C-alpha cells in the first residue's frame, strides 16, 4: 500500500458520498417511523371499537 497523499478530488468525492448516505438514512428512517405510527394508530382504532365476548 502506497502512502501517496489523497487528491482533493478524491476527498471531495468521499465527502459527497457521505452526505448522500446520511441523507438516505434520514429519509429511510422517517419512512419507517411513519409506517410504525400508522400501524399503531390503526391498531388503536380497531381495538377501541372491538366487541369483547362475555362483556356487555
N, C-alpha and C. Protein backbone atom coordinates (compact mmCIF):
# COMPACT_ATOMS: atom_id res chain seq x y z
N UNK A 1 0.84 -1.18 0.00
CA UNK A 1 0.00 0.00 0.00
C UNK A 1 0.89 1.24 0.00
N UNK A 2 0.61 2.14 -0.91
CA UNK A 2 1.44 3.35 -1.01
C UNK A 2 0.89 4.43 -0.11
N UNK A 3 1.76 5.32 0.30
CA UNK A 3 1.35 6.41 1.20
C UNK A 3 1.29 7.73 0.45
N UNK A 4 0.71 7.71 -0.76
CA UNK A 4 0.57 8.95 -1.51
C UNK A 4 -0.55 9.79 -0.91
N UNK A 5 -0.41 11.10 -0.91
CA UNK A 5 -1.47 11.95 -0.37
C UNK A 5 -2.72 11.89 -1.24
N UNK A 6 -3.86 11.97 -0.61
CA UNK A 6 -5.12 11.89 -1.35
C UNK A 6 -5.33 13.18 -2.15
N UNK A 7 -5.87 13.01 -3.31
CA UNK A 7 -6.13 14.19 -4.13
C UNK A 7 -7.37 14.91 -3.60
N UNK A 8 -7.44 16.21 -3.79
CA UNK A 8 -8.62 16.96 -3.34
C UNK A 8 -9.92 16.46 -3.99
N UNK A 9 -9.81 16.00 -5.22
CA UNK A 9 -11.00 15.49 -5.91
C UNK A 9 -11.51 14.23 -5.22
N UNK A 10 -10.60 13.35 -4.82
CA UNK A 10 -10.99 12.11 -4.13
C UNK A 10 -11.63 12.42 -2.78
N UNK A 11 -11.06 13.38 -2.05
CA UNK A 11 -11.62 13.76 -0.76
C UNK A 11 -13.02 14.36 -0.93
N UNK A 12 -13.19 15.18 -1.96
CA UNK A 12 -14.50 15.77 -2.23
C UNK A 12 -15.51 14.69 -2.60
N UNK A 13 -15.08 13.70 -3.38
CA UNK A 13 -15.96 12.60 -3.76
C UNK A 13 -16.40 11.82 -2.52
N UNK A 14 -15.49 11.54 -1.62
CA UNK A 14 -15.83 10.81 -0.39
C UNK A 14 -16.79 11.62 0.46
N UNK A 15 -16.58 12.95 0.51
CA UNK A 15 -17.46 13.82 1.26
C UNK A 15 -18.87 13.79 0.68
N UNK A 16 -19.00 13.86 -0.64
CA UNK A 16 -20.31 13.81 -1.29
C UNK A 16 -21.01 12.48 -1.02
N UNK A 17 -20.27 11.39 -1.09
CA UNK A 17 -20.86 10.08 -0.82
C UNK A 17 -21.35 10.02 0.63
N UNK A 18 -20.60 10.57 1.55
CA UNK A 18 -21.01 10.60 2.95
C UNK A 18 -22.29 11.40 3.15
N UNK A 19 -22.39 12.55 2.51
CA UNK A 19 -23.60 13.37 2.61
C UNK A 19 -24.79 12.63 2.02
N UNK A 20 -24.58 11.97 0.87
CA UNK A 20 -25.66 11.22 0.24
C UNK A 20 -26.14 10.08 1.13
N UNK A 21 -25.22 9.35 1.72
CA UNK A 21 -25.60 8.23 2.58
C UNK A 21 -26.34 8.71 3.82
N UNK A 22 -25.89 9.81 4.41
CA UNK A 22 -26.56 10.35 5.59
C UNK A 22 -27.98 10.78 5.24
N UNK A 23 -28.16 11.40 4.09
CA UNK A 23 -29.49 11.82 3.65
C UNK A 23 -30.38 10.61 3.42
N UNK A 24 -29.84 9.59 2.79
CA UNK A 24 -30.60 8.37 2.52
C UNK A 24 -31.06 7.71 3.82
N UNK A 25 -30.18 7.63 4.79
CA UNK A 25 -30.53 7.04 6.08
C UNK A 25 -31.61 7.86 6.77
N UNK A 26 -31.50 9.18 6.71
CA UNK A 26 -32.50 10.05 7.33
C UNK A 26 -33.88 9.84 6.70
N UNK A 27 -33.94 9.79 5.38
CA UNK A 27 -35.22 9.61 4.68
C UNK A 27 -35.81 8.24 4.99
N UNK A 28 -34.99 7.20 4.95
CA UNK A 28 -35.50 5.86 5.24
C UNK A 28 -36.00 5.76 6.68
N UNK A 29 -35.31 6.38 7.61
CA UNK A 29 -35.75 6.35 9.00
C UNK A 29 -37.09 7.04 9.15
N UNK A 30 -37.27 8.17 8.47
CA UNK A 30 -38.56 8.88 8.53
C UNK A 30 -39.69 8.01 7.98
N UNK A 31 -39.42 7.32 6.86
CA UNK A 31 -40.45 6.47 6.27
C UNK A 31 -40.83 5.31 7.19
N UNK A 32 -39.84 4.69 7.79
CA UNK A 32 -40.10 3.57 8.69
C UNK A 32 -40.88 4.05 9.92
N UNK A 33 -40.49 5.17 10.49
CA UNK A 33 -41.20 5.68 11.66
C UNK A 33 -42.64 6.04 11.32
N UNK A 34 -42.87 6.57 10.12
CA UNK A 34 -44.24 6.90 9.73
C UNK A 34 -45.09 5.63 9.61
N UNK A 35 -44.51 4.58 9.03
CA UNK A 35 -45.25 3.32 8.90
C UNK A 35 -45.56 2.72 10.27
N UNK A 36 -44.62 2.81 11.20
CA UNK A 36 -44.85 2.28 12.55
C UNK A 36 -45.98 3.05 13.21
N UNK A 37 -45.97 4.37 13.08
CA UNK A 37 -47.05 5.17 13.68
C UNK A 37 -48.40 4.84 13.05
N UNK A 38 -48.43 4.63 11.73
CA UNK A 38 -49.69 4.27 11.05
C UNK A 38 -50.22 2.95 11.59
N UNK A 39 -49.34 1.97 11.76
CA UNK A 39 -49.78 0.67 12.27
C UNK A 39 -50.29 0.79 13.69
N UNK A 40 -49.61 1.57 14.54
CA UNK A 40 -50.07 1.75 15.91
C UNK A 40 -51.42 2.45 15.94
N UNK A 41 -51.61 3.45 15.11
CA UNK A 41 -52.89 4.17 15.07
C UNK A 41 -54.01 3.26 14.59
N UNK A 42 -53.74 2.43 13.59
CA UNK A 42 -54.75 1.51 13.08
C UNK A 42 -55.09 0.47 14.15
N UNK A 43 -54.10 -0.01 14.86
CA UNK A 43 -54.34 -1.00 15.92
C UNK A 43 -55.15 -0.38 17.06
N UNK A 44 -54.84 0.86 17.42
CA UNK A 44 -55.57 1.52 18.49
C UNK A 44 -57.03 1.76 18.12
N UNK A 45 -57.30 2.18 16.89
CA UNK A 45 -58.69 2.44 16.48
C UNK A 45 -59.48 1.14 16.38
N UNK A 46 -58.85 0.07 15.90
CA UNK A 46 -59.58 -1.20 15.80
C UNK A 46 -59.79 -1.81 17.19
N UNK A 47 -58.87 -1.61 18.11
CA UNK A 47 -59.01 -2.14 19.46
C UNK A 47 -60.10 -1.38 20.22
N UNK A 48 -60.20 -0.09 20.01
CA UNK A 48 -61.18 0.71 20.72
C UNK A 48 -62.60 0.33 20.32
N UNK A 49 -62.80 -0.06 19.08
CA UNK A 49 -64.14 -0.40 18.61
C UNK A 49 -64.44 -1.88 18.67
N UNK A 50 -63.56 -2.67 19.19
CA UNK A 50 -63.76 -4.11 19.22
C UNK A 50 -64.79 -4.51 20.27
N UNK A 51 -65.50 -5.55 19.98
CA UNK A 51 -66.50 -6.06 20.93
C UNK A 51 -65.92 -7.32 21.57
N UNK A 52 -65.93 -7.34 22.88
CA UNK A 52 -65.40 -8.48 23.61
C UNK A 52 -66.54 -9.41 24.00
N UNK A 53 -66.38 -10.68 23.72
CA UNK A 53 -67.42 -11.66 24.06
C UNK A 53 -67.45 -11.83 25.57
N UNK A 54 -68.66 -11.82 26.14
CA UNK A 54 -68.79 -12.02 27.57
C UNK A 54 -68.94 -10.75 28.34
N UNK A 55 -68.70 -9.61 27.71
CA UNK A 55 -68.89 -8.33 28.39
C UNK A 55 -70.09 -7.62 27.80
N UNK A 56 -70.73 -6.82 28.57
CA UNK A 56 -71.81 -6.04 27.98
C UNK A 56 -72.99 -6.05 28.77
